[in-house]
C-alpha atoms as a PDB file:
ATOM      1  CA  MET A   1     -39.401 -52.564   8.142  1.00  0.00           C
ATOM      2  CA  VAL A   2     -35.912 -51.565   7.026  1.00  0.00           C
ATOM      3  CA  ARG A   3     -34.472 -48.327   8.395  1.00  0.00           C
ATOM      4  CA  ALA A   4     -34.087 -45.641   5.712  1.00  0.00           C
ATOM      5  CA  THR A   5     -30.994 -43.468   6.240  1.00  0.00           C
ATOM      6  CA  ASN A   6     -31.144 -41.147   3.245  1.00  0.00           C
ATOM      7  CA  ALA A   7     -27.434 -41.923   2.820  1.00  0.00           C
ATOM      8  CA  VAL A   8     -27.079 -40.652  -0.738  1.00  0.00           C
ATOM      9  CA  ALA A   9     -28.330 -37.185   0.127  1.00  0.00           C
ATOM     10  CA  SER A  10     -26.272 -36.901   3.315  1.00  0.00           C
ATOM     11  CA  HIS A  11     -23.100 -38.034   1.524  1.00  0.00           C
ATOM     12  CA  ARG A  12     -23.797 -35.474  -1.185  1.00  0.00           C
ATOM     13  CA  ARG A  13     -24.168 -32.701   1.427  1.00  0.00           C
ATOM     14  CA  LYS A  14     -20.925 -33.728   3.131  1.00  0.00           C
ATOM     15  CA  LYS A  15     -19.092 -33.918  -0.185  1.00  0.00           C
ATOM     16  CA  LYS A  16     -20.294 -30.439  -1.087  1.00  0.00           C
ATOM     17  CA  MET A  17     -19.042 -29.083   2.232  1.00  0.00           C
ATOM     18  CA  ILE A  18     -15.649 -30.809   1.848  1.00  0.00           C
ATOM     19  CA  ARG A  19     -15.343 -29.423  -1.690  1.00  0.00           C
ATOM     20  CA  ARG A  20     -15.959 -25.899  -0.411  1.00  0.00           C
ATOM     21  CA  ALA A  21     -13.282 -26.390   2.251  1.00  0.00           C
ATOM     22  CA  LYS A  22     -10.602 -27.301  -0.280  1.00  0.00           C
ATOM     23  CA  GLY A  23      -7.388 -25.515   0.624  1.00  0.00           C
ATOM     24  CA  PHE A  24      -8.315 -25.016   4.280  1.00  0.00           C
ATOM     25  CA  TRP A  25      -5.579 -25.787   6.758  1.00  0.00           C
ATOM     26  CA  GLY A  26      -5.491 -28.684   9.257  1.00  0.00           C
ATOM     27  CA  ASP A  27      -8.626 -30.403  10.527  1.00  0.00           C
ATOM     28  CA  ARG A  28     -10.828 -27.669   9.067  1.00  0.00           C
ATOM     29  CA  LYS A  29     -10.729 -29.419   5.702  1.00  0.00           C
ATOM     30  CA  ASN A  30     -11.665 -32.987   6.648  1.00  0.00           C
ATOM     31  CA  HIS A  31     -13.566 -33.102   9.960  1.00  0.00           C
ATOM     32  CA  MET A  32     -17.228 -32.402   9.345  1.00  0.00           C
ATOM     33  CA  GLY A  33     -17.963 -30.306  12.428  1.00  0.00           C
ATOM     34  CA  LEU A  34     -14.948 -28.058  11.986  1.00  0.00           C
ATOM     35  CA  THR A  35     -15.412 -27.995   8.229  1.00  0.00           C
ATOM     36  CA  LYS A  36     -19.023 -26.885   8.475  1.00  0.00           C
ATOM     37  CA  GLU A  37     -18.137 -24.099  10.898  1.00  0.00           C
ATOM     38  CA  ALA A  38     -15.155 -22.933   8.827  1.00  0.00           C
ATOM     39  CA  VAL A  39     -17.067 -22.929   5.532  1.00  0.00           C
ATOM     40  CA  THR A  40     -20.033 -21.085   7.038  1.00  0.00           C
ATOM     41  CA  ARG A  41     -17.758 -18.434   8.490  1.00  0.00           C
ATOM     42  CA  ALA A  42     -15.787 -18.152   5.254  1.00  0.00           C
ATOM     43  CA  LEU A  43     -18.971 -17.583   3.255  1.00  0.00           C
ATOM     44  CA  SER A  44     -20.197 -14.881   5.623  1.00  0.00           C
ATOM     45  CA  GLU A  45     -16.786 -13.137   5.632  1.00  0.00           C
ATOM     46  CA  ASN A  46     -16.759 -13.375   1.847  1.00  0.00           C
ATOM     47  CA  TYR A  47     -20.044 -11.465   1.699  1.00  0.00           C
ATOM     48  CA  ARG A  48     -18.801  -8.863   4.183  1.00  0.00           C
ATOM     49  CA  HIS A  49     -15.476  -8.349   2.463  1.00  0.00           C
ATOM     50  CA  ARG A  50     -17.110  -7.742  -0.904  1.00  0.00           C
ATOM     51  CA  LYS A  51     -18.739  -4.716   0.735  1.00  0.00           C
ATOM     52  CA  LEU A  52     -15.530  -3.590   2.482  1.00  0.00           C
ATOM     53  CA  ARG A  53     -13.453  -3.813  -0.696  1.00  0.00           C
ATOM     54  CA  LYS A  54     -15.466  -0.961  -2.211  1.00  0.00           C
ATOM     55  CA  ARG A  55     -14.635   1.251   0.782  1.00  0.00           C
ATOM     56  CA  ASP A  56     -10.968   0.276   0.693  1.00  0.00           C
ATOM     57  CA  PHE A  57     -10.589   1.189  -2.957  1.00  0.00           C
ATOM     58  CA  ARG A  58     -12.343   4.520  -2.466  1.00  0.00           C
ATOM     59  CA  ARG A  59      -9.919   5.320   0.384  1.00  0.00           C
ATOM     60  CA  LEU A  60      -6.980   4.409  -1.863  1.00  0.00           C
ATOM     61  CA  TRP A  61      -8.216   6.648  -4.692  1.00  0.00           C
ATOM     62  CA  ILE A  62      -8.757   9.549  -2.295  1.00  0.00           C
ATOM     63  CA  ALA A  63      -5.267   9.143  -0.827  1.00  0.00           C
ATOM     64  CA  ARG A  64      -3.745   9.152  -4.323  1.00  0.00           C
ATOM     65  CA  LEU A  65      -5.754  12.200  -5.370  1.00  0.00           C
ATOM     66  CA  SER A  66      -4.893  14.063  -2.203  1.00  0.00           C
ATOM     67  CA  THR A  67      -1.171  13.552  -2.774  1.00  0.00           C
ATOM     68  CA  ALA A  68      -1.365  14.444  -6.467  1.00  0.00           C
ATOM     69  CA  ALA A  69      -3.456  17.559  -5.780  1.00  0.00           C
ATOM     70  CA  LYS A  70      -1.019  18.721  -3.071  1.00  0.00           C
ATOM     71  CA  MET A  71       1.854  18.332  -5.538  1.00  0.00           C
ATOM     72  CA  ASN A  72      -0.049  20.749  -7.788  1.00  0.00           C
ATOM     73  CA  GLY A  73      -0.796  23.258  -5.027  1.00  0.00           C
ATOM     74  CA  LEU A  74      -4.374  22.317  -4.083  1.00  0.00           C
ATOM     75  CA  SER A  75      -5.914  20.474  -1.175  1.00  0.00           C
ATOM     76  CA  TYR A  76      -8.058  17.440  -1.890  1.00  0.00           C
ATOM     77  CA  SER A  77     -11.269  19.128  -0.738  1.00  0.00           C
ATOM     78  CA  SER A  78     -10.729  22.232  -2.871  1.00  0.00           C
ATOM     79  CA  PHE A  79      -9.806  19.998  -5.833  1.00  0.00           C
ATOM     80  CA  ILE A  80     -13.077  18.056  -5.549  1.00  0.00           C
ATOM     81  CA  ASP A  81     -15.021  21.285  -5.011  1.00  0.00           C
ATOM     82  CA  GLY A  82     -13.462  22.737  -8.160  1.00  0.00           C
ATOM     83  CA  LEU A  83     -14.297  19.581 -10.114  1.00  0.00           C
ATOM     84  CA  ASN A  84     -17.931  19.875  -9.076  1.00  0.00           C
ATOM     85  CA  ARG A  85     -18.070  23.561  -9.957  1.00  0.00           C
ATOM     86  CA  ALA A  86     -16.437  22.885 -13.334  1.00  0.00           C
ATOM     87  CA  LYS A  87     -19.012  20.118 -13.941  1.00  0.00           C
ATOM     88  CA  THR A  88     -16.223  17.651 -14.762  1.00  0.00           C
ATOM     89  CA  PRO A  89     -17.689  14.127 -15.124  1.00  0.00           C
ATOM     90  CA  LEU A  90     -14.561  12.259 -13.910  1.00  0.00           C
ATOM     91  CA  ASN A  91     -14.826  10.024 -10.869  1.00  0.00           C
ATOM     92  CA  ARG A  92     -12.153   9.368  -8.259  1.00  0.00           C
ATOM     93  CA  LYS A  93     -11.079   6.061  -9.788  1.00  0.00           C
ATOM     94  CA  ILE A  94     -10.384   7.590 -13.202  1.00  0.00           C
ATOM     95  CA  LEU A  95      -8.710  10.648 -11.702  1.00  0.00           C
ATOM     96  CA  SER A  96      -6.364   8.544  -9.563  1.00  0.00           C
ATOM     97  CA  GLU A  97      -5.378   6.487 -12.615  1.00  0.00           C
ATOM     98  CA  ILE A  98      -4.692   9.692 -14.554  1.00  0.00           C
ATOM     99  CA  ALA A  99      -2.626  11.023 -11.647  1.00  0.00           C
ATOM    100  CA  ILE A 100      -0.436   7.906 -11.704  1.00  0.00           C
ATOM    101  CA  GLN A 101      -0.225   7.163 -15.440  1.00  0.00           C
ATOM    102  CA  ASP A 102      -0.192  10.722 -16.834  1.00  0.00           C
ATOM    103  CA  PRO A 103       1.004  13.368 -14.355  1.00  0.00           C
ATOM    104  CA  LYS A 104       1.056  16.093 -17.029  1.00  0.00           C
ATOM    105  CA  GLY A 105      -2.556  15.357 -17.916  1.00  0.00           C
ATOM    106  CA  PHE A 106      -3.486  15.519 -14.236  1.00  0.00           C
ATOM    107  CA  THR A 107      -1.731  18.880 -13.979  1.00  0.00           C
ATOM    108  CA  ALA A 108      -3.862  20.100 -16.888  1.00  0.00           C
ATOM    109  CA  ILE A 109      -6.998  18.964 -15.043  1.00  0.00           C
ATOM    110  CA  VAL A 110      -5.825  20.787 -11.908  1.00  0.00           C
ATOM    111  CA  GLU A 111      -5.270  23.985 -13.928  1.00  0.00           C
ATOM    112  CA  HIS A 112      -8.799  23.641 -15.336  1.00  0.00           C
ATOM    113  CA  VAL A 113     -10.127  23.177 -11.785  1.00  0.00           C
ATOM    114  CA  LYS A 114      -8.190  26.211 -10.500  1.00  0.00           C
ATOM    115  CA  GLY A 115      -9.868  28.297 -13.185  1.00  0.00           C
ATOM    116  CA  SER A 116     -13.298  27.365 -11.875  1.00  0.00           C
ATOM    117  CA  LEU A 117     -12.530  28.092  -8.202  1.00  0.00           C
END
Protein backbone atom coordinates (compact mmCIF):
# COMPACT_ATOMS: atom_id res chain seq x y z
CA MET A 1 0.00 0.00 0.00
CA VAL A 2 1.18 3.52 -0.78
CA ARG A 3 2.39 5.67 2.11
CA ALA A 4 0.06 8.61 2.83
CA THR A 5 1.94 11.74 3.94
CA ASN A 6 -0.89 14.24 4.37
CA ALA A 7 1.34 16.65 2.42
CA VAL A 8 -1.34 19.19 1.57
CA ALA A 9 -2.27 19.78 5.19
CA SER A 10 1.33 19.95 6.41
CA HIS A 11 2.28 22.41 3.65
CA ARG A 12 -0.73 24.52 4.57
CA ARG A 13 0.34 24.57 8.25
CA LYS A 14 3.90 25.55 7.30
CA LYS A 15 2.66 28.25 4.94
CA LYS A 16 0.46 29.68 7.67
CA MET A 17 3.40 29.80 10.07
CA ILE A 18 5.66 31.45 7.47
CA ARG A 19 2.94 34.02 6.73
CA ARG A 20 2.71 34.90 10.42
CA ALA A 21 6.49 35.33 10.56
CA LYS A 22 6.53 37.89 7.75
CA GLY A 23 8.85 40.73 8.70
CA PHE A 24 10.85 38.69 11.21
CA TRP A 25 14.59 39.10 11.02
CA GLY A 26 17.13 36.47 9.89
CA ASP A 27 16.45 32.74 10.06
CA ARG A 28 13.37 33.31 12.21
CA LYS A 29 11.34 33.96 9.07
CA ASN A 30 12.23 30.94 6.92
CA HIS A 31 13.49 28.03 9.05
CA MET A 32 10.54 26.08 10.40
CA GLY A 33 11.88 25.30 13.87
CA LEU A 34 12.98 28.85 14.58
CA THR A 35 9.90 30.25 12.88
CA LYS A 36 7.53 28.17 14.98
CA GLU A 37 9.26 29.21 18.20
CA ALA A 38 9.38 32.89 17.22
CA VAL A 39 5.73 33.02 16.14
CA THR A 40 4.54 31.23 19.27
CA ARG A 41 6.47 33.62 21.48
CA ALA A 42 5.28 36.63 19.50
CA LEU A 43 1.64 35.58 19.90
CA SER A 44 2.01 35.10 23.65
CA GLU A 45 3.80 38.46 24.06
CA ASN A 46 1.08 40.06 21.96
CA TYR A 47 -1.55 38.82 24.41
CA ARG A 48 0.50 39.98 27.40
CA HIS A 49 1.24 43.40 25.97
CA ARG A 50 -2.43 44.09 25.26
CA LYS A 51 -2.93 43.82 29.03
CA LEU A 52 0.16 45.92 29.86
CA ARG A 53 -0.81 48.71 27.47
CA LYS A 54 -3.85 49.50 29.63
CA ARG A 55 -1.60 49.93 32.68
CA ASP A 56 0.89 52.05 30.75
CA PHE A 57 -1.77 54.46 29.55
CA ARG A 58 -3.26 54.79 33.03
CA ARG A 59 0.21 55.65 34.39
CA LEU A 60 0.62 58.27 31.65
CA TRP A 61 -2.75 59.88 32.41
CA ILE A 62 -1.97 59.97 36.13
CA ALA A 63 1.43 61.57 35.50
CA ARG A 64 -0.18 64.24 33.31
CA LEU A 65 -2.91 64.92 35.85
CA SER A 66 -0.44 65.11 38.70
CA THR A 67 1.62 67.74 36.89
CA ALA A 68 -1.42 69.75 35.82
CA ALA A 69 -2.94 69.63 39.32
CA LYS A 70 0.35 70.76 40.90
CA MET A 71 0.45 73.71 38.49
CA ASN A 72 -2.96 74.68 39.89
CA GLY A 73 -1.96 74.25 43.54
CA LEU A 74 -3.33 70.77 44.31
CA SER A 75 -1.76 67.37 44.73
CA TYR A 76 -2.98 64.54 42.54
CA SER A 77 -4.55 62.64 45.44
CA SER A 78 -6.47 65.66 46.74
CA PHE A 79 -7.57 66.46 43.16
CA ILE A 80 -9.02 62.96 42.70
CA ASP A 81 -10.58 63.07 46.17
CA GLY A 82 -12.23 66.38 45.30
CA LEU A 83 -13.50 64.97 42.01
CA ASN A 84 -15.12 62.08 43.85
CA ARG A 85 -16.67 64.36 46.44
CA ALA A 86 -17.97 66.69 43.71
CA LYS A 87 -19.45 63.64 41.92
CA THR A 88 -17.73 64.66 38.68
CA PRO A 89 -18.14 61.89 36.07
CA LEU A 90 -14.84 62.56 34.23
CA ASN A 91 -12.27 59.79 34.02
CA ARG A 92 -8.49 60.16 34.00
CA LYS A 93 -8.20 59.83 30.23
CA ILE A 94 -10.62 62.69 29.55
CA LEU A 95 -9.12 64.85 32.29
CA SER A 96 -5.58 64.42 30.96
CA GLU A 97 -6.75 65.39 27.47
CA ILE A 98 -8.45 68.48 28.89
CA ALA A 99 -5.29 69.35 30.82
CA ILE A 100 -3.24 69.25 27.61
CA GLN A 101 -5.69 70.69 25.07
CA ASP A 102 -7.49 73.26 27.25
CA PRO A 103 -5.49 74.42 30.29
CA LYS A 104 -8.04 77.13 31.15
CA GLY A 105 -10.83 74.57 31.18
CA PHE A 106 -8.74 72.33 33.43
CA THR A 107 -8.18 75.28 35.77
CA ALA A 108 -11.96 75.73 35.93
CA ILE A 109 -12.34 72.06 36.87
CA VAL A 110 -9.69 72.46 39.57
CA GLU A 111 -11.54 75.49 40.99
CA HIS A 112 -14.75 73.43 41.06
CA VAL A 113 -12.87 70.63 42.85
CA LYS A 114 -11.36 73.06 45.39
CA GLY A 115 -14.88 74.21 46.23
CA SER A 116 -15.89 70.67 47.15
CA LEU A 117 -12.85 69.95 49.36
